[in-house]
Amino acid sequence: MKLSTRGRYAVMAMADIAQQAALSASDGKMSPMKLADIGLRQEISLNYLEQIFGDLRRAELVTSHRGAHGGYTLAAAPESIRIGDVIQAVDEPVEVTRCGSSSGCLAKQARCLTHDLWAQLGQTIYQFLNSISLADVVSGKDLSTLPHLAQPTSLVELLGEAGE
């Protein structure tokens, strides 16, 4: 599975806002972040960020502020925004099967031999992304040390933890 740039850039931009908010939190009030500034810091084009932030706003993950001092703020605390939610907001699928529906991935609507393996891996990835908050990412802590993310030693163990 490869996550597209849209999903990665959405997470990068949201983490940027969370980090900048933490750096400027001395007065207790978060100033809106301009997309142009986020784009410069993260090396993402302004046009692409505008598209991404339209999706993030519709998903109510960010709030837009108009005017000369406008921009975007997080709609919730970084601790409560999950990476999986950010990726879903920009319509990034977390599926690793080659079929787009439950009807099957082979001719005549049959499922391939390894369908369940890839479907379970997709669910495990989704669970992983939803177990990490923006605050976890911005804090710089080693994500593998989080208690709910014990690292499996093999793919077999990983799939075993996912319920197979």
C-alpha atoms as a PDB file:
ATOM      1  CA  MET A   1       0.000   0.000   0.000  1.00  0.00           C
ATOM      2  CA  LYS A   2       1.198   3.477  -0.779  1.00  0.00           C
ATOM      3  CA  LEU A   3      -0.507   6.504   0.691  1.00  0.00           C
ATOM      4  CA  SER A   4      -0.878   9.274  -1.868  1.00  0.00           C
ATOM      5  CA  THR A   5       0.631  12.716  -1.482  1.00  0.00           C
ATOM      6  CA  ARG A   6      -2.823  14.125  -0.703  1.00  0.00           C
ATOM      7  CA  GLY A   7      -3.084  12.092   2.504  1.00  0.00           C
ATOM      8  CA  ARG A   8       0.522  12.688   3.516  1.00  0.00           C
ATOM      9  CA  TYR A   9       0.287  16.419   2.853  1.00  0.00           C
ATOM     10  CA  ALA A  10      -2.948  16.675   4.845  1.00  0.00           C
ATOM     11  CA  VAL A  11      -1.250  15.075   7.855  1.00  0.00           C
ATOM     12  CA  MET A  12       1.857  17.249   7.412  1.00  0.00           C
ATOM     13  CA  ALA A  13      -0.227  20.441   7.259  1.00  0.00           C
ATOM     14  CA  MET A  14      -2.346  19.494  10.274  1.00  0.00           C
ATOM     15  CA  ALA A  15       0.793  18.639  12.256  1.00  0.00           C
ATOM     16  CA  ASP A  16       2.272  21.982  11.217  1.00  0.00           C
ATOM     17  CA  ILE A  17      -0.751  23.851  12.600  1.00  0.00           C
ATOM     18  CA  ALA A  18      -0.600  21.843  15.834  1.00  0.00           C
ATOM     19  CA  GLN A  19       3.126  22.507  16.216  1.00  0.00           C
ATOM     20  CA  GLN A  20       2.809  26.232  15.509  1.00  0.00           C
ATOM     21  CA  ALA A  21      -0.088  26.452  17.963  1.00  0.00           C
ATOM     22  CA  ALA A  22       2.026  24.769  20.642  1.00  0.00           C
ATOM     23  CA  LEU A  23       4.907  27.180  19.990  1.00  0.00           C
ATOM     24  CA  SER A  24       2.665  30.245  20.227  1.00  0.00           C
ATOM     25  CA  ALA A  25       0.515  29.008  23.107  1.00  0.00           C
ATOM     26  CA  SER A  26       2.149  31.319  25.639  1.00  0.00           C
ATOM     27  CA  ASP A  27      -0.825  33.703  25.551  1.00  0.00           C
ATOM     28  CA  GLY A  28      -3.358  30.862  25.555  1.00  0.00           C
ATOM     29  CA  LYS A  29      -4.917  31.928  22.253  1.00  0.00           C
ATOM     30  CA  MET A  30      -4.102  30.239  18.956  1.00  0.00           C
ATOM     31  CA  SER A  31      -3.648  32.545  15.986  1.00  0.00           C
ATOM     32  CA  PRO A  32      -4.974  31.356  12.625  1.00  0.00           C
ATOM     33  CA  MET A  33      -2.311  29.921  10.330  1.00  0.00           C
ATOM     34  CA  LYS A  34      -2.125  31.098   6.733  1.00  0.00           C
ATOM     35  CA  LEU A  35      -1.940  28.387   4.096  1.00  0.00           C
ATOM     36  CA  ALA A  36       0.912  30.244   2.383  1.00  0.00           C
ATOM     37  CA  ASP A  37       2.991  29.975   5.581  1.00  0.00           C
ATOM     38  CA  ILE A  38       2.175  26.289   6.001  1.00  0.00           C
ATOM     39  CA  GLY A  39       3.087  25.735   2.359  1.00  0.00           C
ATOM     40  CA  LEU A  40       6.462  27.419   2.797  1.00  0.00           C
ATOM     41  CA  ARG A  41       7.336  25.472   5.938  1.00  0.00           C
ATOM     42  CA  GLN A  42       6.200  22.110   4.554  1.00  0.00           C
ATOM     43  CA  GLU A  43       7.092  22.727   0.879  1.00  0.00           C
ATOM     44  CA  ILE A  44       3.521  22.135  -0.357  1.00  0.00           C
ATOM     45  CA  SER A  45       1.957  24.234  -3.112  1.00  0.00           C
ATOM     46  CA  LEU A  46      -0.685  26.747  -2.053  1.00  0.00           C
ATOM     47  CA  ASN A  47      -3.175  25.480  -4.657  1.00  0.00           C
ATOM     48  CA  TYR A  48      -2.896  21.929  -3.355  1.00  0.00           C
ATOM     49  CA  LEU A  49      -3.281  23.096   0.261  1.00  0.00           C
ATOM     50  CA  GLU A  50      -6.429  25.041  -0.655  1.00  0.00           C
ATOM     51  CA  GLN A  51      -7.996  21.849  -2.029  1.00  0.00           C
ATOM     52  CA  ILE A  52      -6.926  19.804   0.992  1.00  0.00           C
ATOM     53  CA  PHE A  53      -8.152  22.378   3.500  1.00  0.00           C
ATOM     54  CA  GLY A  54     -11.543  22.527   1.809  1.00  0.00           C
ATOM     55  CA  ASP A  55     -11.910  18.834   2.665  1.00  0.00           C
ATOM     56  CA  LEU A  56     -10.523  19.289   6.185  1.00  0.00           C
ATOM     57  CA  ARG A  57     -12.947  22.155   6.824  1.00  0.00           C
ATOM     58  CA  ARG A  58     -15.943  20.133   5.565  1.00  0.00           C
ATOM     59  CA  ALA A  59     -14.865  17.300   7.886  1.00  0.00           C
ATOM     60  CA  GLU A  60     -14.791  19.865  10.732  1.00  0.00           C
ATOM     61  CA  LEU A  61     -11.147  19.174  11.551  1.00  0.00           C
ATOM     62  CA  VAL A  62     -10.155  22.819  10.970  1.00  0.00           C
ATOM     63  CA  THR A  63     -11.952  26.138  11.323  1.00  0.00           C
ATOM     64  CA  SER A  64     -11.425  28.903   8.774  1.00  0.00           C
ATOM     65  CA  HIS A  65     -11.065  32.529   9.829  1.00  0.00           C
ATOM     66  CA  ARG A  66     -11.585  35.334   7.328  1.00  0.00           C
ATOM     67  CA  GLY A  67      -9.913  38.699   7.138  1.00  0.00           C
ATOM     68  CA  ALA A  68      -6.445  40.160   7.151  1.00  0.00           C
ATOM     69  CA  HIS A  69      -5.422  38.021  10.129  1.00  0.00           C
ATOM     70  CA  GLY A  70      -7.361  35.005   8.911  1.00  0.00           C
ATOM     71  CA  GLY A  71      -6.263  31.490   8.215  1.00  0.00           C
ATOM     72  CA  TYR A  72      -6.981  28.121   9.778  1.00  0.00           C
ATOM     73  CA  THR A  73      -7.005  26.747  13.306  1.00  0.00           C
ATOM     74  CA  LEU A  74      -7.585  23.222  14.520  1.00  0.00           C
ATOM     75  CA  ALA A  75     -11.251  22.620  15.333  1.00  0.00           C
ATOM     76  CA  ALA A  76     -10.312  20.487  18.350  1.00  0.00           C
ATOM     77  CA  ALA A  77      -7.334  19.849  20.591  1.00  0.00           C
ATOM     78  CA  PRO A  78      -4.452  18.007  18.888  1.00  0.00           C
ATOM     79  CA  GLU A  79      -4.920  15.168  21.397  1.00  0.00           C
ATOM     80  CA  SER A  80      -8.390  14.459  20.033  1.00  0.00           C
ATOM     81  CA  ILE A  81      -7.632  14.627  16.288  1.00  0.00           C
ATOM     82  CA  ARG A  82      -6.638  11.204  14.955  1.00  0.00           C
ATOM     83  CA  ILE A  83      -4.388  10.714  11.940  1.00  0.00           C
ATOM     84  CA  GLY A  84      -6.929   8.289  10.480  1.00  0.00           C
ATOM     85  CA  ASP A  85      -9.574  11.029  10.601  1.00  0.00           C
ATOM     86  CA  VAL A  86      -7.302  13.406   8.695  1.00  0.00           C
ATOM     87  CA  ILE A  87      -6.629  10.834   5.982  1.00  0.00           C
ATOM     88  CA  GLN A  88     -10.310   9.922   5.707  1.00  0.00           C
ATOM     89  CA  ALA A  89     -11.259  13.614   5.458  1.00  0.00           C
ATOM     90  CA  VAL A  90      -9.293  13.950   2.218  1.00  0.00           C
ATOM     91  CA  ASP A  91     -10.891  10.765   0.846  1.00  0.00           C
ATOM     92  CA  GLU A  92      -7.819   8.598   1.060  1.00  0.00           C
ATOM     93  CA  PRO A  93      -8.749   4.919   1.093  1.00  0.00           C
ATOM     94  CA  VAL A  94      -6.903   2.675   3.527  1.00  0.00           C
ATOM     95  CA  GLU A  95      -7.538  -0.436   1.475  1.00  0.00           C
ATOM     96  CA  VAL A  96      -4.891  -2.747   0.169  1.00  0.00           C
ATOM     97  CA  THR A  97      -7.069  -5.191  -1.760  1.00  0.00           C
ATOM     98  CA  ARG A  98      -7.217  -4.719  -5.492  1.00  0.00           C
ATOM     99  CA  CYS A  99     -10.991  -4.927  -5.595  1.00  0.00           C
ATOM    100  CA  GLY A 100     -12.881  -1.772  -4.803  1.00  0.00           C
ATOM    101  CA  SER A 101     -15.948  -3.566  -3.513  1.00  0.00           C
ATOM    102  CA  SER A 102     -16.932  -6.680  -1.628  1.00  0.00           C
ATOM    103  CA  SER A 103     -18.092  -8.367  -4.837  1.00  0.00           C
ATOM    104  CA  GLY A 104     -14.656  -9.732  -5.661  1.00  0.00           C
ATOM    105  CA  CYS A 105     -11.333  -8.960  -7.237  1.00  0.00           C
ATOM    106  CA  LEU A 106     -11.259 -11.597  -9.986  1.00  0.00           C
ATOM    107  CA  ALA A 107     -13.371 -12.187 -13.062  1.00  0.00           C
ATOM    108  CA  LYS A 108     -16.892 -13.455 -12.389  1.00  0.00           C
ATOM    109  CA  GLN A 109     -16.923 -11.505  -9.084  1.00  0.00           C
ATOM    110  CA  ALA A 110     -14.752 -14.097  -7.304  1.00  0.00           C
ATOM    111  CA  ARG A 111     -12.381 -13.194  -4.482  1.00  0.00           C
ATOM    112  CA  CYS A 112      -8.696 -13.902  -4.917  1.00  0.00           C
ATOM    113  CA  LEU A 113      -6.953 -16.390  -2.669  1.00  0.00           C
ATOM    114  CA  THR A 114      -5.186 -13.688  -0.630  1.00  0.00           C
ATOM    115  CA  HIS A 115      -8.148 -11.268  -0.372  1.00  0.00           C
ATOM    116  CA  ASP A 116      -8.678 -11.805   3.374  1.00  0.00           C
ATOM    117  CA  LEU A 117      -4.963 -11.296   4.072  1.00  0.00           C
ATOM    118  CA  TRP A 118      -4.936  -7.888   2.358  1.00  0.00           C
ATOM    119  CA  ALA A 119      -8.307  -6.859   3.768  1.00  0.00           C
ATOM    120  CA  GLN A 120      -7.090  -7.595   7.301  1.00  0.00           C
ATOM    121  CA  LEU A 121      -3.861  -5.698   6.671  1.00  0.00           C
ATOM    122  CA  GLY A 122      -5.940  -2.694   5.563  1.00  0.00           C
ATOM    123  CA  GLN A 123      -7.945  -2.867   8.793  1.00  0.00           C
ATOM    124  CA  THR A 124      -4.738  -3.048  10.831  1.00  0.00           C
ATOM    125  CA  ILE A 125      -3.355   0.034   9.070  1.00  0.00           C
ATOM    126  CA  TYR A 126      -6.615   1.895   9.719  1.00  0.00           C
ATOM    127  CA  GLN A 127      -6.525   0.916  13.422  1.00  0.00           C
ATOM    128  CA  PHE A 128      -2.905   2.064  13.655  1.00  0.00           C
ATOM    129  CA  LEU A 129      -3.664   5.452  12.079  1.00  0.00           C
ATOM    130  CA  ASN A 130      -6.651   5.947  14.369  1.00  0.00           C
ATOM    131  CA  SER A 131      -4.585   5.148  17.451  1.00  0.00           C
ATOM    132  CA  ILE A 132      -2.242   8.103  16.880  1.00  0.00           C
ATOM    133  CA  SER A 133      -3.208  11.714  17.532  1.00  0.00           C
ATOM    134  CA  LEU A 134      -1.744  14.891  16.106  1.00  0.00           C
ATOM    135  CA  ALA A 135      -0.313  15.552  19.571  1.00  0.00           C
ATOM    136  CA  ASP A 136       1.548  12.216  19.412  1.00  0.00           C
ATOM    137  CA  VAL A 137       3.100  13.195  16.081  1.00  0.00           C
ATOM    138  CA  VAL A 138       4.000  16.756  17.097  1.00  0.00           C
ATOM    139  CA  SER A 139       5.508  15.710  20.433  1.00  0.00           C
ATOM    140  CA  GLY A 140       8.250  13.865  18.575  1.00  0.00           C
ATOM    141  CA  LYS A 141       7.938  10.800  20.755  1.00  0.00           C
ATOM    142  CA  ASP A 142       8.801   7.413  19.356  1.00  0.00           C
ATOM    143  CA  LEU A 143       5.410   6.111  18.245  1.00  0.00           C
ATOM    144  CA  SER A 144       6.504   2.509  18.704  1.00  0.00           C
ATOM    145  CA  THR A 145       6.779   3.145  22.447  1.00  0.00           C
ATOM    146  CA  LEU A 146       3.119   4.051  22.846  1.00  0.00           C
ATOM    147  CA  PRO A 147       1.486   1.320  24.956  1.00  0.00           C
ATOM    148  CA  HIS A 148      -1.226   0.532  22.403  1.00  0.00           C
ATOM    149  CA  LEU A 149       1.315   0.136  19.606  1.00  0.00           C
ATOM    150  CA  ALA A 150       3.497  -2.768  20.669  1.00  0.00           C
ATOM    151  CA  GLN A 151       5.527  -3.758  17.647  1.00  0.00           C
ATOM    152  CA  PRO A 152       4.817  -7.243  16.283  1.00  0.00           C
ATOM    153  CA  THR A 153       7.846  -9.266  15.357  1.00  0.00           C
ATOM    154  CA  SER A 154       6.436 -10.676  12.121  1.00  0.00           C
ATOM    155  CA  LEU A 155       3.625 -10.260   9.614  1.00  0.00           C
ATOM    156  CA  VAL A 156       2.039 -13.411  11.042  1.00  0.00           C
ATOM    157  CA  GLU A 157       1.983 -11.811  14.506  1.00  0.00           C
ATOM    158  CA  LEU A 158       0.640  -8.576  13.041  1.00  0.00           C
ATOM    159  CA  LEU A 159      -2.237 -10.389  11.361  1.00  0.00           C
ATOM    160  CA  GLY A 160      -2.813 -12.414  14.527  1.00  0.00           C
ATOM    161  CA  GLU A 161      -3.276  -9.200  16.503  1.00  0.00           C
ATOM    162  CA  ALA A 162      -5.754  -8.010  13.911  1.00  0.00           C
ATOM    163  CA  GLY A 163      -8.007 -10.991  14.544  1.00  0.00           C
ATOM    164  CA  GLU A 164      -6.927 -13.588  12.013  1.00  0.00           C
END
